[in-house]
Amino acid sequence: MSARRHSPGRRLLLLAALAALAQTGCDRAGETPNGPRYGTAPAPAERALYRLAIHPLHNPNKLSEAYQPLIDYLNVHLDDARFELEASRDYQAYETKFRAGAPEFLLPNPWQTLEAMKAGYRVIAMAGDAEDFKGIFIVRRDSRVRTPADLRGKAVSYPSPTALAACVMPQYFLHQQGIDVNRDIDNRYVGSQESSIMNAYLGGVAAAATWPPPWRLFQKDHPAEAAQLKVIWETPSLMNNSVMARTDAPADLVERVRALLLGLAEAPEGAAILAAMSTARFHPADDADYDRVRDYVAGFERDVRPVEP
C-alpha cells in the first residue's frame, strides 16, 4: 500500500494552522489571568489617620507653610499612624471643631486649652517658651501715640475676642493702665493676626494688638511694611500654647507623639521645623500647668468682660 501524499496546497494550509495554534499558545502564556492574584509578601498595614488642628495663628496658607514640616516629621517617625494638618478660617470655626471633639490632636491657645479640657482633651506638651507668650501693641513709626491714655477715642485692632495673647492680655493691660476697654476705645476684631498688624500699617487703627510669633513672621514676609511699624508696649508673659490629645486617643500613640515633640529640638531636622513655626521648642506640660491661665482669665472676666462676647 503506497504512502498517502499531500499536494503542495494542502501542506501550506497545514503549516498555517500549526502556526496559528502556536501563536495562540504564546498569547495565552503572556496574558494576565483573571481573578485574584496571590503573593508571598504580606500586604502593608493601613495607617490610621489622625488630625492635628492648629488654632488660627495665620491664614490657612501660611499656617500650612509653618506647620506642614511638623506633620511630615510625625509621619516619618510613626509607622502605624498618619497625621494631617487641619486649619480653620477663624477662631470661632476652630473652637466649634474642638467643642465637637472632631480633631484627635490640637494646638490651641491657653484659653482654648481650658475650653478643650471641658470637651474631652488633655494637655501633653507646651509649644514654645512661656516668656514668648505675651501681647504686644504695634503702631506706625510716625504715630503720635505715646501712652495708653492716647488711645482714648481711637480704634485698636485684634484678631479675635478669644485670642488670649493678642486680645485678652492687651485689653487687660489697657484696663490696668486706666483705660475703660468697653467705652474708651473702639475695639475692632479683624479675623487674623496679619490683618490686625496691617490695620495699623494702613492707618485704619491707632494701634494693633498681636503677639511675637506673628510679628516676627510679618517682619520676615513684609520687611518694607514692617520697617514703618514698631512695638510700643508689651504685656507680662503667661503660659504658651498647648498641645492636646483627645482622651480616647490610643495612649501608646499619644506618648510617642509627646516624645517626638519633646525631642524635636535635638533632632537633625528639628531646628528647621521649629524655625518654620517660630517656636523655640516643646516643653513638658499637663492640665495642671494651665491653672494659672484659669486664674488669669477669671480676673479678666471679673474686671473687663467675658472672653466670649
Protein backbone atom coordinates (compact mmCIF):
# COMPACT_ATOMS: atom_id res chain seq x y z
CA MET A 1 0.00 0.00 0.00
CA SER A 2 1.55 3.27 -1.09
CA ALA A 3 2.04 6.24 1.38
CA ARG A 4 -0.53 9.00 1.16
CA ARG A 5 0.96 12.05 -0.49
CA HIS A 6 -0.25 15.64 0.18
CA SER A 7 -0.46 18.24 -2.51
CA PRO A 8 1.59 21.43 -2.04
CA GLY A 9 -1.59 23.39 -1.37
CA ARG A 10 -2.65 21.08 1.46
CA ARG A 11 0.81 21.26 3.04
CA LEU A 12 0.63 25.07 3.10
CA LEU A 13 -2.77 25.03 4.81
CA LEU A 14 -1.50 22.58 7.44
CA LEU A 15 1.55 24.74 8.22
CA ALA A 16 -0.65 27.85 8.59
CA ALA A 17 -2.95 26.07 11.06
CA LEU A 18 0.02 24.87 13.16
CA ALA A 19 1.43 28.42 13.23
CA ALA A 20 -1.91 29.85 14.38
CA LEU A 21 -2.11 27.30 17.20
CA ALA A 22 1.43 28.12 18.30
CA GLN A 23 0.69 31.88 18.32
CA THR A 24 -2.48 31.32 20.37
CA GLY A 25 -0.47 29.42 22.97
CA CYS A 26 2.09 32.20 23.15
CA ASP A 27 -0.62 34.85 23.53
CA ARG A 28 -2.27 32.95 26.36
CA ALA A 29 1.06 32.46 28.10
CA GLY A 30 1.57 36.26 28.17
CA GLU A 31 -1.94 37.10 29.33
CA THR A 32 -2.66 38.29 32.91
CA PRO A 33 -5.02 35.74 34.41
CA ASN A 34 -8.40 36.86 35.58
CA GLY A 35 -9.40 36.61 39.26
CA PRO A 36 -7.38 37.16 42.45
CA ARG A 37 -3.58 37.07 42.40
CA TYR A 38 -1.68 35.66 45.34
CA GLY A 39 1.73 36.75 46.62
CA THR A 40 4.05 35.61 49.34
CA ALA A 41 4.68 39.07 50.90
CA PRO A 42 2.09 40.33 53.44
CA ALA A 43 0.14 43.47 52.49
CA PRO A 44 1.27 46.60 54.36
CA ALA A 45 -0.98 47.56 57.26
CA GLU A 46 -3.13 50.62 56.67
CA ARG A 47 -2.06 53.60 58.78
CA ALA A 48 -4.79 55.14 60.90
CA LEU A 49 -5.50 58.80 60.15
CA TYR A 50 -5.26 61.49 62.84
CA ARG A 51 -5.74 65.25 62.55
CA LEU A 52 -3.71 67.94 64.28
CA ALA A 53 -5.83 71.11 64.36
CA ILE A 54 -3.82 74.33 64.85
CA HIS A 55 -5.59 77.46 66.12
CA PRO A 56 -5.62 80.33 63.58
CA LEU A 57 -2.17 81.79 64.20
CA HIS A 58 -2.05 82.68 60.49
CA ASN A 59 -4.27 82.37 57.44
CA PRO A 60 -4.64 78.75 56.21
CA ASN A 61 -1.90 79.02 53.55
CA LYS A 62 0.69 80.44 55.93
CA LEU A 63 -0.38 78.00 58.62
CA SER A 64 0.34 75.14 56.23
CA GLU A 65 3.76 76.56 55.36
CA ALA A 66 4.60 76.89 59.04
CA TYR A 67 3.28 73.56 60.36
CA GLN A 68 3.36 71.06 57.47
CA PRO A 69 7.04 70.24 58.19
CA LEU A 70 5.99 69.14 61.69
CA ILE A 71 3.26 66.95 60.21
CA ASP A 72 5.79 65.42 57.80
CA TYR A 73 8.16 64.75 60.71
CA LEU A 74 5.47 62.88 62.65
CA ASN A 75 4.54 60.83 59.59
CA VAL A 76 8.15 59.78 59.00
CA HIS A 77 8.57 58.59 62.59
CA LEU A 78 5.19 56.93 63.16
CA ASP A 79 4.75 53.79 61.06
CA ASP A 80 1.23 52.97 62.26
CA ALA A 81 -0.35 56.44 62.09
CA ARG A 82 -0.72 59.17 59.50
CA PHE A 83 -1.22 62.79 60.52
CA GLU A 84 -2.93 65.57 58.59
CA LEU A 85 -2.83 69.30 59.32
CA GLU A 86 -6.22 70.90 59.90
CA ALA A 87 -6.56 74.68 59.54
CA SER A 88 -9.59 76.84 60.33
CA ARG A 89 -10.76 80.05 58.73
CA ASP A 90 -11.11 81.87 62.07
CA TYR A 91 -11.15 81.41 65.84
CA GLN A 92 -14.87 80.69 66.00
CA ALA A 93 -14.63 77.88 63.43
CA TYR A 94 -11.68 76.37 65.30
CA GLU A 95 -13.49 76.48 68.64
CA THR A 96 -16.57 74.87 67.09
CA LYS A 97 -14.42 71.95 65.89
CA PHE A 98 -12.80 71.09 69.19
CA ARG A 99 -16.02 71.57 71.16
CA ALA A 100 -17.50 68.88 68.93
CA GLY A 101 -14.48 66.67 69.69
CA ALA A 102 -13.69 66.38 65.98
CA PRO A 103 -9.85 66.54 65.71
CA GLU A 104 -7.84 63.95 67.63
CA PHE A 105 -4.98 66.37 68.42
CA LEU A 106 -4.99 70.13 68.99
CA LEU A 107 -2.59 73.04 69.25
CA PRO A 108 -4.81 75.69 70.90
CA ASN A 109 -4.07 78.93 72.70
CA PRO A 110 -4.15 78.77 76.54
CA TRP A 111 -7.76 79.96 76.90
CA GLN A 112 -8.86 77.46 74.23
CA THR A 113 -6.86 74.86 76.19
CA LEU A 114 -9.16 75.39 79.18
CA GLU A 115 -12.21 75.11 76.94
CA ALA A 116 -10.89 71.98 75.23
CA MET A 117 -10.43 70.28 78.60
CA LYS A 118 -14.21 70.56 79.02
CA ALA A 119 -14.65 68.87 75.62
CA GLY A 120 -12.53 65.80 76.41
CA TYR A 121 -8.92 66.76 75.63
CA ARG A 122 -5.81 66.70 77.83
CA VAL A 123 -2.53 68.60 77.66
CA ILE A 124 0.54 66.60 76.58
CA ALA A 125 3.08 69.43 75.96
CA MET A 126 3.54 73.19 75.72
CA ALA A 127 4.55 74.69 72.35
CA GLY A 128 7.24 77.35 72.82
CA ASP A 129 8.72 79.19 75.76
CA ALA A 130 6.34 80.76 78.26
CA GLU A 131 8.29 84.04 78.00
CA ASP A 132 7.25 84.32 74.35
CA PHE A 133 3.53 84.26 75.15
CA LYS A 134 2.66 87.91 75.65
CA GLY A 135 0.64 90.60 73.95
CA ILE A 136 2.33 93.39 72.01
CA PHE A 137 1.00 96.67 70.62
CA ILE A 138 2.10 97.76 67.14
CA VAL A 139 1.88 101.37 65.93
CA ARG A 140 3.20 103.25 62.94
CA ARG A 141 6.59 104.88 63.47
CA ASP A 142 5.01 108.26 62.72
CA SER A 143 2.24 107.67 65.28
CA ARG A 144 1.60 110.28 67.97
CA VAL A 145 0.51 107.61 70.45
CA ARG A 146 2.94 107.63 73.39
CA THR A 147 0.92 106.34 76.36
CA PRO A 148 -2.18 104.15 76.72
CA ALA A 149 -4.18 107.27 77.53
CA ASP A 150 -3.51 108.47 73.97
CA LEU A 151 -5.75 105.65 72.70
CA ARG A 152 -8.92 107.14 74.19
CA GLY A 153 -11.41 107.79 71.42
CA LYS A 154 -9.35 105.77 68.91
CA ALA A 155 -9.57 102.30 67.36
CA VAL A 156 -7.48 99.25 68.29
CA SER A 157 -7.43 96.04 66.20
CA TYR A 158 -7.27 92.43 67.41
CA PRO A 159 -7.57 89.07 65.61
CA SER A 160 -10.48 87.83 67.75
CA PRO A 161 -12.07 88.46 71.15
CA THR A 162 -10.89 84.98 72.24
CA ALA A 163 -7.26 85.44 71.14
CA LEU A 164 -5.55 85.28 74.53
CA ALA A 165 -2.12 86.82 73.82
CA ALA A 166 -3.33 89.09 71.02
CA CYS A 167 -6.55 90.39 72.59
CA VAL A 168 -7.36 89.34 76.15
CA MET A 169 -3.92 90.16 77.52
CA PRO A 170 -3.64 93.52 75.67
CA GLN A 171 -7.10 94.55 76.84
CA TYR A 172 -6.26 93.61 80.43
CA PHE A 173 -3.05 95.64 80.10
CA LEU A 174 -5.05 98.68 78.97
CA HIS A 175 -7.53 98.18 81.81
CA GLN A 176 -4.66 98.15 84.30
CA GLN A 177 -3.40 101.39 82.73
CA GLY A 178 -6.70 103.11 83.45
CA ILE A 179 -8.49 102.60 80.12
CA ASP A 180 -12.13 101.52 80.14
CA VAL A 181 -11.79 98.99 77.33
CA ASN A 182 -15.55 98.79 76.77
CA ARG A 183 -16.11 102.56 76.47
CA ASP A 184 -12.88 104.49 75.91
CA ILE A 185 -11.72 102.77 72.70
CA ASP A 186 -13.18 101.28 69.53
CA ASN A 187 -12.33 97.54 69.62
CA ARG A 188 -12.11 96.01 66.14
CA TYR A 189 -11.89 92.22 65.73
CA VAL A 190 -10.44 91.73 62.26
CA GLY A 191 -10.08 87.94 61.93
CA SER A 192 -6.33 87.24 61.85
CA GLN A 193 -3.00 88.31 63.29
CA GLU A 194 -1.75 89.68 59.97
CA SER A 195 -4.98 91.63 59.44
CA SER A 196 -4.55 93.22 62.85
CA ILE A 197 -0.99 94.32 62.01
CA MET A 198 -1.99 95.54 58.54
CA ASN A 199 -4.73 97.69 60.06
CA ALA A 200 -2.04 99.62 61.93
CA TYR A 201 0.16 99.86 58.83
CA LEU A 202 -2.70 101.21 56.71
CA GLY A 203 -3.71 103.70 59.38
CA GLY A 204 -7.14 102.19 59.96
CA VAL A 205 -6.45 101.90 63.70
CA ALA A 206 -4.25 103.77 66.15
CA ALA A 207 -2.69 100.53 67.42
CA ALA A 208 -2.76 96.83 66.59
CA ALA A 209 -2.62 94.03 69.14
CA THR A 210 -0.78 90.83 68.26
CA TRP A 211 1.91 88.61 69.82
CA PRO A 212 5.59 87.86 68.99
CA PRO A 213 5.44 84.89 66.52
CA PRO A 214 3.08 86.59 64.01
CA TRP A 215 5.02 89.83 64.33
CA ARG A 216 8.28 88.02 63.57
CA LEU A 217 6.68 86.36 60.56
CA PHE A 218 5.31 89.70 59.35
CA GLN A 219 8.78 91.23 59.59
CA LYS A 220 10.14 88.35 57.53
CA ASP A 221 7.42 88.33 54.86
CA HIS A 222 6.78 92.09 54.63
CA PRO A 223 10.04 93.85 55.55
CA ALA A 224 9.17 97.14 53.84
CA GLU A 225 5.84 97.46 55.65
CA ALA A 226 7.30 96.25 58.96
CA ALA A 227 10.01 98.91 58.77
CA GLN A 228 7.27 101.54 59.10
CA LEU A 229 5.92 99.95 62.29
CA LYS A 230 7.21 99.49 65.84
CA VAL A 231 6.30 97.74 69.09
CA ILE A 232 5.23 100.36 71.62
CA TRP A 233 4.17 98.22 74.63
CA GLU A 234 4.12 94.58 75.68
CA THR A 235 2.23 92.72 78.40
CA PRO A 236 3.65 90.31 81.01
CA SER A 237 4.00 86.70 79.84
CA LEU A 238 1.75 83.72 80.55
CA MET A 239 1.73 80.01 79.67
CA ASN A 240 2.27 79.35 75.96
CA ASN A 241 0.05 77.38 73.57
CA SER A 242 -0.53 73.75 74.46
CA VAL A 243 -0.56 70.51 72.51
CA MET A 244 -3.54 68.37 73.43
CA ALA A 245 -4.80 64.87 72.69
CA ARG A 246 -8.38 63.68 72.83
CA THR A 247 -8.77 61.47 75.88
CA ASP A 248 -9.88 58.49 73.77
CA ALA A 249 -6.79 58.63 71.51
CA PRO A 250 -4.59 55.50 71.84
CA ALA A 251 -2.37 56.02 74.91
CA ASP A 252 0.70 54.48 73.28
CA LEU A 253 0.39 56.75 70.24
CA VAL A 254 -0.09 59.83 72.42
CA GLU A 255 3.08 59.03 74.36
CA ARG A 256 5.08 58.53 71.15
CA VAL A 257 3.80 61.84 69.74
CA ARG A 258 4.71 63.56 73.01
CA ALA A 259 8.22 62.06 72.92
CA LEU A 260 8.74 63.17 69.32
CA LEU A 261 7.68 66.72 70.17
CA LEU A 262 9.83 66.96 73.29
CA GLY A 263 12.85 65.60 71.41
CA LEU A 264 12.38 67.74 68.30
CA ALA A 265 14.95 70.38 69.27
CA GLU A 266 17.67 67.70 69.35
CA ALA A 267 16.65 66.01 66.07
CA PRO A 268 18.81 66.76 62.97
CA GLU A 269 15.86 68.34 61.17
CA GLY A 270 14.40 69.87 64.32
CA ALA A 271 15.91 73.35 64.09
CA ALA A 272 14.37 73.97 60.65
CA ILE A 273 10.96 72.64 61.71
CA LEU A 274 10.88 74.77 64.86
CA ALA A 275 12.08 77.85 62.98
CA ALA A 276 9.23 77.48 60.46
CA MET A 277 6.75 77.57 63.36
CA SER A 278 8.62 80.38 65.16
CA THR A 279 8.70 78.07 68.19
CA ALA A 280 11.78 77.64 70.38
CA ARG A 281 10.97 74.09 71.47
CA PHE A 282 8.27 71.91 73.04
CA HIS A 283 8.20 71.61 76.85
CA PRO A 284 6.64 69.01 79.17
CA ALA A 285 3.23 70.15 80.42
CA ASP A 286 -0.08 68.81 81.68
CA ASP A 287 -3.52 70.14 82.58
CA ALA A 288 -2.42 71.41 85.99
CA ASP A 289 0.15 73.75 84.42
CA TYR A 290 -2.71 75.78 82.93
CA ASP A 291 -4.33 76.54 86.30
CA ARG A 292 -2.58 79.93 86.29
CA VAL A 293 -4.27 80.68 82.95
CA ARG A 294 -7.62 79.85 84.56
CA ASP A 295 -6.87 82.32 87.36
CA TYR A 296 -5.80 84.99 84.87
CA VAL A 297 -8.94 84.58 82.75
CA ALA A 298 -11.14 84.70 85.87
CA GLY A 299 -9.58 88.05 86.77
CA PHE A 300 -10.04 89.38 83.26
CA GLU A 301 -13.69 88.34 83.13
CA ARG A 302 -14.31 89.86 86.53
CA ASP A 303 -12.66 93.20 85.67
CA VAL A 304 -13.15 93.67 81.92
CA ARG A 305 -15.60 91.44 80.01
CA PRO A 306 -16.44 87.80 79.24
CA VAL A 307 -13.82 86.25 76.94
CA GLU A 308 -16.62 85.12 74.66
CA PRO A 309 -18.87 88.11 73.99
